[in-house]
C-alpha atoms as a PDB file:
ATOM      1  CA  ASP A   1     -25.722 -22.520   3.666  1.00  0.00           C
ATOM      2  CA  ARG A   2     -26.344 -19.740   6.190  1.00  0.00           C
ATOM      3  CA  ARG A   3     -22.674 -18.443   6.221  1.00  0.00           C
ATOM      4  CA  SER A   4     -21.793 -15.015   4.672  1.00  0.00           C
ATOM      5  CA  SER A   5     -19.945 -13.840   1.573  1.00  0.00           C
ATOM      6  CA  ARG A   6     -16.872 -12.878   2.859  1.00  0.00           C
ATOM      7  CA  GLU A   7     -17.170 -16.138   4.879  1.00  0.00           C
ATOM      8  CA  LEU A   8     -17.787 -18.670   1.890  1.00  0.00           C
ATOM      9  CA  TYR A   9     -15.403 -16.767   0.249  1.00  0.00           C
ATOM     10  CA  SER A  10     -12.554 -16.922   2.818  1.00  0.00           C
ATOM     11  CA  THR A  11     -13.074 -20.668   3.041  1.00  0.00           C
ATOM     12  CA  MET A  12     -12.720 -20.982  -0.926  1.00  0.00           C
ATOM     13  CA  CYS A  13      -9.324 -18.584  -0.802  1.00  0.00           C
ATOM     14  CA  LEU A  14      -7.423 -20.705   1.916  1.00  0.00           C
ATOM     15  CA  SER A  15      -8.466 -23.899   0.063  1.00  0.00           C
ATOM     16  CA  ASN A  16      -6.569 -22.499  -2.641  1.00  0.00           C
ATOM     17  CA  GLY A  17      -3.525 -21.009  -0.811  1.00  0.00           C
ATOM     18  CA  TYR A  18      -5.130 -17.659  -0.657  1.00  0.00           C
ATOM     19  CA  GLU A  19      -4.399 -16.283   2.443  1.00  0.00           C
ATOM     20  CA  GLY A  20      -3.862 -13.326   1.846  1.00  0.00           C
ATOM     21  CA  ASP A  21      -7.017 -12.394   0.817  1.00  0.00           C
ATOM     22  CA  VAL A  22      -8.266 -13.252   3.983  1.00  0.00           C
ATOM     23  CA  ILE A  23      -6.785 -10.760   6.499  1.00  0.00           C
ATOM     24  CA  ASP A  24      -9.572  -9.127   7.624  1.00  0.00           C
ATOM     25  CA  ASN A  25      -8.645  -6.189  10.474  1.00  0.00           C
ATOM     26  CA  MET A  26      -6.853  -3.921   8.000  1.00  0.00           C
ATOM     27  CA  LYS A  27      -7.619  -0.591   8.242  1.00  0.00           C
ATOM     28  CA  PRO A  28      -8.443   1.701   5.349  1.00  0.00           C
ATOM     29  CA  GLU A  29      -5.953   3.810   3.123  1.00  0.00           C
ATOM     30  CA  VAL A  30      -7.233   7.300   3.783  1.00  0.00           C
ATOM     31  CA  LYS A  31      -6.686  10.443   1.450  1.00  0.00           C
ATOM     32  CA  VAL A  32      -8.105  13.586   2.896  1.00  0.00           C
ATOM     33  CA  SER A  33      -8.598  17.003   0.362  1.00  0.00           C
ATOM     34  CA  ALA A  34      -9.068  20.019   1.511  1.00  0.00           C
ATOM     35  CA  ASP A  35     -10.790  21.414  -1.841  1.00  0.00           C
ATOM     36  CA  GLU A  36     -12.364  19.431  -5.164  1.00  0.00           C
ATOM     37  CA  GLU A  37      -8.977  20.180  -6.716  1.00  0.00           C
ATOM     38  CA  GLU A  38      -6.975  18.834  -4.437  1.00  0.00           C
ATOM     39  CA  LEU A  39      -9.189  15.341  -4.738  1.00  0.00           C
ATOM     40  CA  VAL A  40      -9.340  15.128  -8.473  1.00  0.00           C
ATOM     41  CA  ALA A  41      -5.718  15.482  -8.372  1.00  0.00           C
ATOM     42  CA  GLN A  42      -5.621  12.827  -5.272  1.00  0.00           C
ATOM     43  CA  LEU A  43      -7.843  10.664  -7.651  1.00  0.00           C
ATOM     44  CA  ARG A  44      -5.440  11.518 -11.004  1.00  0.00           C
ATOM     45  CA  ASN A  45      -2.364   9.546  -8.439  1.00  0.00           C
ATOM     46  CA  TYR A  46      -4.609   6.871  -7.831  1.00  0.00           C
ATOM     47  CA  LEU A  47      -6.175   5.546 -10.796  1.00  0.00           C
ATOM     48  CA  THR A  48      -2.306   6.216 -12.859  1.00  0.00           C
ATOM     49  CA  GLU A  49      -0.965   4.088  -9.905  1.00  0.00           C
ATOM     50  CA  LYS A  50      -3.234   1.281 -10.795  1.00  0.00           C
ATOM     51  CA  LEU A  51      -3.622   1.794 -14.504  1.00  0.00           C
ATOM     52  CA  THR A  52       0.182   1.177 -14.367  1.00  0.00           C
ATOM     53  CA  TYR A  53      -0.254  -2.071 -12.897  1.00  0.00           C
ATOM     54  CA  LEU A  54      -3.249  -3.487 -15.090  1.00  0.00           C
ATOM     55  CA  LEU A  55      -1.876  -2.071 -18.666  1.00  0.00           C
ATOM     56  CA  ASP A  56       1.010  -5.419 -17.640  1.00  0.00           C
ATOM     57  CA  GLN A  57      -1.819  -7.974 -17.094  1.00  0.00           C
ATOM     58  CA  ASN A  58      -4.230  -9.451 -19.965  1.00  0.00           C
ATOM     59  CA  GLY A  59      -7.462  -8.632 -21.138  1.00  0.00           C
ATOM     60  CA  THR A  60     -10.472  -5.529 -20.528  1.00  0.00           C
ATOM     61  CA  ILE A  61      -9.437  -2.787 -17.325  1.00  0.00           C
ATOM     62  CA  SER A  62     -12.979  -3.107 -15.332  1.00  0.00           C
ATOM     63  CA  ILE A  63     -14.431   0.610 -13.768  1.00  0.00           C
ATOM     64  CA  GLY A  64     -17.004   1.141 -11.852  1.00  0.00           C
ATOM     65  CA  VAL A  65     -18.480   4.347 -11.293  1.00  0.00           C
ATOM     66  CA  SER A  66     -21.250   5.766  -9.030  1.00  0.00           C
ATOM     67  CA  GLY A  67     -24.012   9.217  -9.282  1.00  0.00           C
ATOM     68  CA  GLY A  68     -24.555  11.777  -7.837  1.00  0.00           C
ATOM     69  CA  SER A  69     -21.620  14.440  -7.715  1.00  0.00           C
ATOM     70  CA  MET A  70     -18.989  11.589  -8.628  1.00  0.00           C
ATOM     71  CA  PRO A  71     -19.024  12.220 -12.921  1.00  0.00           C
ATOM     72  CA  LYS A  72     -17.971  15.505 -12.208  1.00  0.00           C
ATOM     73  CA  VAL A  73     -14.523  14.644 -10.283  1.00  0.00           C
ATOM     74  CA  PHE A  74     -13.980  11.080 -11.633  1.00  0.00           C
ATOM     75  CA  SER A  75     -14.100  12.623 -15.322  1.00  0.00           C
ATOM     76  CA  GLU A  76     -11.331  15.424 -14.414  1.00  0.00           C
ATOM     77  CA  ALA A  77      -9.061  12.962 -12.897  1.00  0.00           C
ATOM     78  CA  LEU A  78      -9.237   9.951 -15.407  1.00  0.00           C
ATOM     79  CA  LEU A  79      -9.244  12.717 -18.728  1.00  0.00           C
ATOM     80  CA  SER A  80      -6.180  13.768 -16.854  1.00  0.00           C
ATOM     81  CA  VAL A  81      -4.326  10.904 -16.199  1.00  0.00           C
ATOM     82  CA  ALA A  82      -1.329  10.795 -18.434  1.00  0.00           C
ATOM     83  CA  PRO A  83      -2.630   9.382 -22.808  1.00  0.00           C
ATOM     84  CA  ASP A  84      -0.247   6.425 -22.840  1.00  0.00           C
ATOM     85  CA  LEU A  85      -2.311   4.952 -19.655  1.00  0.00           C
ATOM     86  CA  LEU A  86      -5.524   5.439 -21.193  1.00  0.00           C
ATOM     87  CA  ASN A  87      -5.483   2.087 -23.469  1.00  0.00           C
ATOM     88  CA  TRP A  88      -9.280   2.919 -24.113  1.00  0.00           C
ATOM     89  CA  LYS A  89      -9.456  -0.342 -26.720  1.00  0.00           C
ATOM     90  CA  ARG A  90      -9.170  -2.261 -23.112  1.00  0.00           C
ATOM     91  CA  ILE A  91     -11.042   0.038 -20.282  1.00  0.00           C
ATOM     92  CA  ARG A  92     -14.161  -0.445 -19.702  1.00  0.00           C
ATOM     93  CA  ILE A  93     -16.232   1.878 -17.696  1.00  0.00           C
ATOM     94  CA  PHE A  94     -19.908   0.578 -15.982  1.00  0.00           C
ATOM     95  CA  MET A  95     -22.583   1.453 -12.884  1.00  0.00           C
ATOM     96  CA  VAL A  96     -22.366   0.677  -9.959  1.00  0.00           C
ATOM     97  CA  ASP A  97     -26.470   1.154 -10.101  1.00  0.00           C
ATOM     98  CA  GLU A  98     -28.753   3.077 -12.318  1.00  0.00           C
ATOM     99  CA  ARG A  99     -31.907   5.249 -11.981  1.00  0.00           C
ATOM    100  CA  HIS A 100     -33.905   2.591 -13.679  1.00  0.00           C
ATOM    101  CA  VAL A 101     -35.243   6.279 -16.363  1.00  0.00           C
ATOM    102  CA  PRO A 102     -33.923   7.195 -19.677  1.00  0.00           C
ATOM    103  CA  ARG A 103     -30.221   7.719 -20.558  1.00  0.00           C
ATOM    104  CA  ASP A 104     -31.599  11.342 -21.205  1.00  0.00           C
ATOM    105  CA  HIS A 105     -33.207  11.307 -18.208  1.00  0.00           C
ATOM    106  CA  GLU A 106     -31.239  13.848 -15.089  1.00  0.00           C
ATOM    107  CA  ASP A 107     -31.305  11.417 -12.949  1.00  0.00           C
ATOM    108  CA  SER A 108     -29.470   8.898 -15.483  1.00  0.00           C
ATOM    109  CA  ASN A 109     -25.975   7.658 -13.797  1.00  0.00           C
ATOM    110  CA  LEU A 110     -25.042   6.879 -17.761  1.00  0.00           C
ATOM    111  CA  GLY A 111     -26.152   9.880 -18.990  1.00  0.00           C
ATOM    112  CA  ALA A 112     -24.034  12.645 -16.968  1.00  0.00           C
ATOM    113  CA  TYR A 113     -21.140  10.480 -17.504  1.00  0.00           C
ATOM    114  CA  LEU A 114     -21.789  10.388 -21.459  1.00  0.00           C
ATOM    115  CA  GLN A 115     -22.254  14.657 -21.229  1.00  0.00           C
ATOM    116  CA  LEU A 116     -18.933  14.772 -19.427  1.00  0.00           C
ATOM    117  CA  PHE A 117     -17.053  12.319 -21.885  1.00  0.00           C
ATOM    118  CA  PRO A 118     -15.872  13.311 -25.782  1.00  0.00           C
ATOM    119  CA  GLN A 119     -18.265  11.402 -28.291  1.00  0.00           C
ATOM    120  CA  GLU A 120     -15.188   9.076 -28.867  1.00  0.00           C
ATOM    121  CA  LEU A 121     -14.958   7.940 -26.057  1.00  0.00           C
ATOM    122  CA  HIS A 122     -18.830   6.827 -25.042  1.00  0.00           C
ATOM    123  CA  HIS A 123     -17.962   3.370 -26.200  1.00  0.00           C
ATOM    124  CA  VAL A 124     -15.871   2.727 -23.053  1.00  0.00           C
ATOM    125  CA  PHE A 125     -19.484   3.116 -21.007  1.00  0.00           C
ATOM    126  CA  ILE A 126     -21.110  -0.421 -20.728  1.00  0.00           C
ATOM    127  CA  PRO A 127     -24.582   0.842 -21.232  1.00  0.00           C
ATOM    128  CA  VAL A 128     -27.388   0.169 -19.142  1.00  0.00           C
ATOM    129  CA  PRO A 129     -30.960  -1.870 -21.541  1.00  0.00           C
ATOM    130  CA  ILE A 130     -33.283   0.093 -19.717  1.00  0.00           C
ATOM    131  CA  SER A 131     -36.649  -1.870 -19.954  1.00  0.00           C
ATOM    132  CA  LYS A 132     -40.711  -1.330 -19.120  1.00  0.00           C
ATOM    133  CA  GLN A 133     -39.860  -3.602 -15.676  1.00  0.00           C
ATOM    134  CA  VAL A 134     -36.801  -3.159 -14.152  1.00  0.00           C
ATOM    135  CA  VAL A 135     -36.085  -6.474 -13.225  1.00  0.00           C
ATOM    136  CA  HIS A 136     -35.858  -7.862 -16.829  1.00  0.00           C
ATOM    137  CA  THR A 137     -33.609  -3.687 -17.148  1.00  0.00           C
ATOM    138  CA  ALA A 138     -31.201  -5.895 -14.432  1.00  0.00           C
ATOM    139  CA  GLN A 139     -31.294  -9.384 -15.950  1.00  0.00           C
ATOM    140  CA  ALA A 140     -30.195  -7.219 -19.824  1.00  0.00           C
ATOM    141  CA  TYR A 141     -27.428  -5.535 -17.634  1.00  0.00           C
ATOM    142  CA  GLU A 142     -26.545  -8.295 -16.196  1.00  0.00           C
ATOM    143  CA  ILE A 143     -25.656  -9.881 -19.797  1.00  0.00           C
ATOM    144  CA  ASN A 144     -23.769  -6.927 -21.331  1.00  0.00           C
ATOM    145  CA  LEU A 145     -22.143  -6.994 -17.883  1.00  0.00           C
ATOM    146  CA  ARG A 146     -20.752 -10.449 -18.557  1.00  0.00           C
ATOM    147  CA  LYS A 147     -19.691 -10.235 -22.341  1.00  0.00           C
ATOM    148  CA  TYR A 148     -16.805  -7.976 -21.165  1.00  0.00           C
ATOM    149  CA  LEU A 149     -15.781  -9.651 -17.538  1.00  0.00           C
ATOM    150  CA  LEU A 150     -15.318 -13.283 -16.956  1.00  0.00           C
ATOM    151  CA  PRO A 151     -16.590 -14.607 -13.359  1.00  0.00           C
ATOM    152  CA  GLU A 152     -13.910 -15.014 -10.979  1.00  0.00           C
ATOM    153  CA  GLN A 153     -12.063 -19.098 -11.179  1.00  0.00           C
ATOM    154  CA  LEU A 154     -13.282 -19.443  -7.359  1.00  0.00           C
ATOM    155  CA  ASN A 155     -16.547 -18.255  -7.930  1.00  0.00           C
ATOM    156  CA  THR A 156     -19.765 -17.605  -9.774  1.00  0.00           C
ATOM    157  CA  TYR A 157     -18.513 -13.211  -9.057  1.00  0.00           C
ATOM    158  CA  PRO A 158     -16.728 -10.781 -11.364  1.00  0.00           C
ATOM    159  CA  ARG A 159     -13.323  -9.545 -10.339  1.00  0.00           C
ATOM    160  CA  PHE A 160     -13.943  -6.259 -10.673  1.00  0.00           C
ATOM    161  CA  ASP A 161     -10.646  -4.151 -11.342  1.00  0.00           C
ATOM    162  CA  ILE A 162     -11.668  -1.046  -9.451  1.00  0.00           C
ATOM    163  CA  LEU A 163     -14.823   0.087  -7.885  1.00  0.00           C
ATOM    164  CA  PHE A 164     -15.793   4.058  -6.774  1.00  0.00           C
ATOM    165  CA  LEU A 165     -18.446   4.062  -4.147  1.00  0.00           C
ATOM    166  CA  GLY A 166     -19.462   6.598  -2.697  1.00  0.00           C
ATOM    167  CA  ALA A 167     -22.501   6.609   0.356  1.00  0.00           C
ATOM    168  CA  GLY A 168     -25.060   8.152   1.960  1.00  0.00           C
ATOM    169  CA  PRO A 169     -25.588   9.768   5.743  1.00  0.00           C
ATOM    170  CA  ASP A 170     -28.472   6.157   6.023  1.00  0.00           C
ATOM    171  CA  GLY A 171     -25.116   3.924   5.346  1.00  0.00           C
ATOM    172  CA  HIS A 172     -26.063   3.111   2.109  1.00  0.00           C
ATOM    173  CA  THR A 173     -23.869   2.969  -0.929  1.00  0.00           C
ATOM    174  CA  ALA A 174     -24.050   2.029  -4.119  1.00  0.00           C
ATOM    175  CA  SER A 175     -28.335   1.163  -4.583  1.00  0.00           C
ATOM    176  CA  ILE A 176     -27.875  -1.098  -1.268  1.00  0.00           C
ATOM    177  CA  PHE A 177     -29.925   0.641   1.699  1.00  0.00           C
ATOM    178  CA  PRO A 178     -30.480  -0.421   5.420  1.00  0.00           C
ATOM    179  CA  GLY A 179     -32.632  -2.953   5.881  1.00  0.00           C
ATOM    180  CA  LYS A 180     -32.753  -4.075   2.290  1.00  0.00           C
ATOM    181  CA  GLU A 181     -30.960  -7.689   3.140  1.00  0.00           C
ATOM    182  CA  GLN A 182     -32.181  -9.608   0.124  1.00  0.00           C
ATOM    183  CA  LEU A 183     -29.170  -7.156  -2.097  1.00  0.00           C
ATOM    184  CA  GLU A 184     -26.748  -8.935   0.053  1.00  0.00           C
ATOM    185  CA  LYS A 185     -27.552 -12.535   0.314  1.00  0.00           C
ATOM    186  CA  ILE A 186     -25.205 -15.177  -0.752  1.00  0.00           C
ATOM    187  CA  THR A 187     -28.301 -17.585  -2.025  1.00  0.00           C
ATOM    188  CA  ASP A 188     -28.448 -14.458  -5.087  1.00  0.00           C
ATOM    189  CA  LEU A 189     -25.975 -15.426  -7.588  1.00  0.00           C
ATOM    190  CA  ASN A 190     -26.836 -12.467 -10.005  1.00  0.00           C
ATOM    191  CA  TRP A 191     -24.570  -9.967 -10.567  1.00  0.00           C
ATOM    192  CA  VAL A 192     -27.065  -7.270 -10.991  1.00  0.00           C
ATOM    193  CA  SER A 193     -30.761  -7.156  -9.065  1.00  0.00           C
ATOM    194  CA  ALA A 194     -33.457  -4.647  -9.270  1.00  0.00           C
ATOM    195  CA  LEU A 195     -35.109  -2.613  -6.585  1.00  0.00           C
ATOM    196  CA  THR A 196     -38.617  -1.169  -6.432  1.00  0.00           C
ATOM    197  CA  ASP A 197     -38.740   0.031  -3.461  1.00  0.00           C
ATOM    198  CA  SER A 198     -35.743   2.746  -3.696  1.00  0.00           C
ATOM    199  CA  PRO A 199     -35.923   4.990   0.111  1.00  0.00           C
ATOM    200  CA  LYS A 200     -34.262   7.738  -2.388  1.00  0.00           C
ATOM    201  CA  PRO A 201     -36.522   8.593  -5.690  1.00  0.00           C
ATOM    202  CA  PRO A 202     -36.442   7.480  -8.133  1.00  0.00           C
ATOM    203  CA  PRO A 203     -37.956   3.828  -6.586  1.00  0.00           C
ATOM    204  CA  SER A 204     -36.622   1.934  -9.265  1.00  0.00           C
ATOM    205  CA  ARG A 205     -33.226   1.076  -9.693  1.00  0.00           C
ATOM    206  CA  VAL A 206     -30.629  -1.960 -10.429  1.00  0.00           C
ATOM    207  CA  THR A 207     -27.069  -1.908  -8.451  1.00  0.00           C
ATOM    208  CA  ILE A 208     -24.465  -4.830  -8.362  1.00  0.00           C
ATOM    209  CA  THR A 209     -24.562  -7.022  -5.375  1.00  0.00           C
ATOM    210  CA  MET A 210     -22.476  -7.045  -1.743  1.00  0.00           C
ATOM    211  CA  PRO A 211     -20.641 -10.157  -3.345  1.00  0.00           C
ATOM    212  CA  CYS A 212     -20.079  -8.137  -6.920  1.00  0.00           C
ATOM    213  CA  ILE A 213     -18.559  -5.747  -4.577  1.00  0.00           C
ATOM    214  CA  THR A 214     -16.428  -7.749  -2.203  1.00  0.00           C
ATOM    215  CA  ASN A 215     -14.905  -9.537  -5.069  1.00  0.00           C
ATOM    216  CA  ALA A 216     -13.434  -6.678  -6.660  1.00  0.00           C
ATOM    217  CA  LYS A 217      -9.482  -5.634  -7.161  1.00  0.00           C
ATOM    218  CA  ASN A 218      -9.760  -2.387  -5.269  1.00  0.00           C
ATOM    219  CA  VAL A 219     -12.230  -0.053  -3.682  1.00  0.00           C
ATOM    220  CA  ALA A 220     -12.245   3.260  -2.965  1.00  0.00           C
ATOM    221  CA  PHE A 221     -14.645   5.835  -1.863  1.00  0.00           C
ATOM    222  CA  ILE A 222     -15.666   9.119  -2.313  1.00  0.00           C
ATOM    223  CA  LEU A 223     -17.304  10.910   1.117  1.00  0.00           C
ATOM    224  CA  THR A 224     -16.687  14.726   1.958  1.00  0.00           C
ATOM    225  CA  GLY A 225     -19.466  16.188   4.524  1.00  0.00           C
ATOM    226  CA  ALA A 226     -19.975  15.806   8.325  1.00  0.00           C
ATOM    227  CA  ASN A 227     -23.144  13.883   7.580  1.00  0.00           C
ATOM    228  CA  LYS A 228     -20.725  11.242   6.499  1.00  0.00           C
ATOM    229  CA  ARG A 229     -18.682  11.461   9.686  1.00  0.00           C
ATOM    230  CA  GLU A 230     -20.355   8.360  11.422  1.00  0.00           C
ATOM    231  CA  VAL A 231     -20.595   6.468   8.371  1.00  0.00           C
ATOM    232  CA  VAL A 232     -16.426   7.193   7.723  1.00  0.00           C
ATOM    233  CA  ARG A 233     -16.069   5.767  10.822  1.00  0.00           C
ATOM    234  CA  ALA A 234     -18.423   2.657  10.787  1.00  0.00           C
ATOM    235  CA  ILE A 235     -16.183   1.858   7.132  1.00  0.00           C
ATOM    236  CA  HIS A 236     -12.893   2.481   9.000  1.00  0.00           C
ATOM    237  CA  GLU A 237     -13.743   0.581  11.941  1.00  0.00           C
ATOM    238  CA  GLY A 238     -15.580  -2.353  10.146  1.00  0.00           C
ATOM    239  CA  ASP A 239     -19.003  -1.755  11.702  1.00  0.00           C
ATOM    240  CA  LYS A 240     -20.656  -4.025   9.362  1.00  0.00           C
ATOM    241  CA  SER A 241     -24.185  -2.299  10.539  1.00  0.00           C
ATOM    242  CA  ILE A 242     -24.333  -0.546   7.658  1.00  0.00           C
ATOM    243  CA  PRO A 243     -24.139  -1.677   3.710  1.00  0.00           C
ATOM    244  CA  ALA A 244     -20.911   1.058   3.078  1.00  0.00           C
ATOM    245  CA  ALA A 245     -19.197  -0.745   5.603  1.00  0.00           C
ATOM    246  CA  GLN A 246     -20.064  -4.150   4.445  1.00  0.00           C
ATOM    247  CA  ALA A 247     -18.994  -3.213   1.045  1.00  0.00           C
ATOM    248  CA  ARG A 248     -14.746  -3.685   1.765  1.00  0.00           C
ATOM    249  CA  PRO A 249     -13.145  -6.204  -0.804  1.00  0.00           C
ATOM    250  CA  MET A 250     -11.556  -9.503   0.243  1.00  0.00           C
ATOM    251  CA  ASN A 251      -8.242  -8.775  -0.281  1.00  0.00           C
ATOM    252  CA  ASN A 252      -8.658  -5.252   1.433  1.00  0.00           C
ATOM    253  CA  LYS A 253      -7.975  -2.818  -0.822  1.00  0.00           C
ATOM    254  CA  LEU A 254      -9.877  -0.550   0.401  1.00  0.00           C
ATOM    255  CA  THR A 255      -9.487   3.569  -0.317  1.00  0.00           C
ATOM    256  CA  LEU A 256     -11.061   6.527   0.927  1.00  0.00           C
ATOM    257  CA  PHE A 257     -11.254   9.746  -0.202  1.00  0.00           C
ATOM    258  CA  LEU A 258     -12.419  12.334   2.300  1.00  0.00           C
ATOM    259  CA  ASP A 259     -12.486  15.755   3.168  1.00  0.00           C
ATOM    260  CA  GLU A 260     -11.728  17.660   6.574  1.00  0.00           C
ATOM    261  CA  HIS A 261     -15.294  17.255   7.916  1.00  0.00           C
ATOM    262  CA  ALA A 262     -15.934  13.491   6.808  1.00  0.00           C
ATOM    263  CA  ALA A 263     -12.321  12.877   8.296  1.00  0.00           C
ATOM    264  CA  ALA A 264     -13.597  13.826  11.461  1.00  0.00           C
ATOM    265  CA  GLY A 265     -14.664  10.509  11.701  1.00  0.00           C
ATOM    266  CA  VAL A 266     -11.723   8.674  11.431  1.00  0.00           C
ATOM    267  CA  PRO A 267     -10.412   7.583  14.712  1.00  0.00           C
ATOM    268  CA  ASN A 268      -8.057   9.311  16.385  1.00  0.00           C
ATOM    269  CA  ARG A 269      -7.292  11.336  13.760  1.00  0.00           C
ATOM    270  CA  GLU A 270      -6.024  15.012  14.249  1.00  0.00           C
ATOM    271  CA  SER A 271      -8.091  17.440  12.609  1.00  0.00           C
ATOM    272  CA  SER A 272      -7.974  20.952  11.081  1.00  0.00           C
ATOM    273  CA  GLU A 273     -11.492  20.861  10.731  1.00  0.00           C
ATOM    274  CA  SER A 274     -11.759  24.257  12.043  1.00  0.00           C
ATOM    275  CA  ASP A 275      -9.866  26.081   9.971  1.00  0.00           C
ATOM    276  CA  SER A 276     -11.063  24.003   6.815  1.00  0.00           C
ATOM    277  CA  PRO A 277     -13.046  25.490   4.091  1.00  0.00           C
ATOM    278  CA  PRO A 278     -16.716  24.167   3.312  1.00  0.00           C
ATOM    279  CA  PRO A 279     -17.095  20.727   2.791  1.00  0.00           C
ATOM    280  CA  PHE A 280     -17.089  19.865  -1.367  1.00  0.00           C
ATOM    281  CA  ASP A 281     -19.850  18.686  -3.292  1.00  0.00           C
ATOM    282  CA  THR A 282     -19.598  14.835  -3.893  1.00  0.00           C
END
């Protein structure tokens, strides 16, 4: 079947009475920050809202995070959420993608988060077992994810509660790069795929697959800088020519956290960019 993952999932939703899950023309919610302090505050408010709801549900709360400069702002935001909303026994944090390097390597996404979280909270992170071959790392990581997360009833993919994604100027997100269509195929039922020829170093990585991203309950992008304007436009308008714009959850619960420079990519938005501060690094 050559239909896209969204088309297949939409068919399943409709057949099971989930009409609300297949609306495809809704625009994402946009939140613009003047500086990093405001970004952290907005992320904290977002996490507070989501955790308040999720704690009333049963089971594990799954939060996926990306690398780059996201560890700093995410860690500050989550650790400043009201303590009564942080049931660490139920929260599990996992890497959306990971470089195929040891945990103590400077390029390790997981290693970056572990440095920012206190030792007593390291257990909330789902480990990425690094094997000699990246394909074996992908297989081992998927096994770890499956220990904590059950597949969605309508298909074979997990239903992650919240995914925090970044994107490059080329439109890649997670470690799904333009032209790497094998990572987007619906025929690939894996939750995690291996990559050996990443355009960005290091070349070997593991990443959750696009169907896992689009199956998430909530997706939030954190994008800053003028070089992200076109990516922001593509995501906002649903231009699926780049992977980042394909990373829209089926239920359309998509939020963009932007600075003024990146927000200039939102069509018809009045911008005060001439008076805005330099972009902060995320």
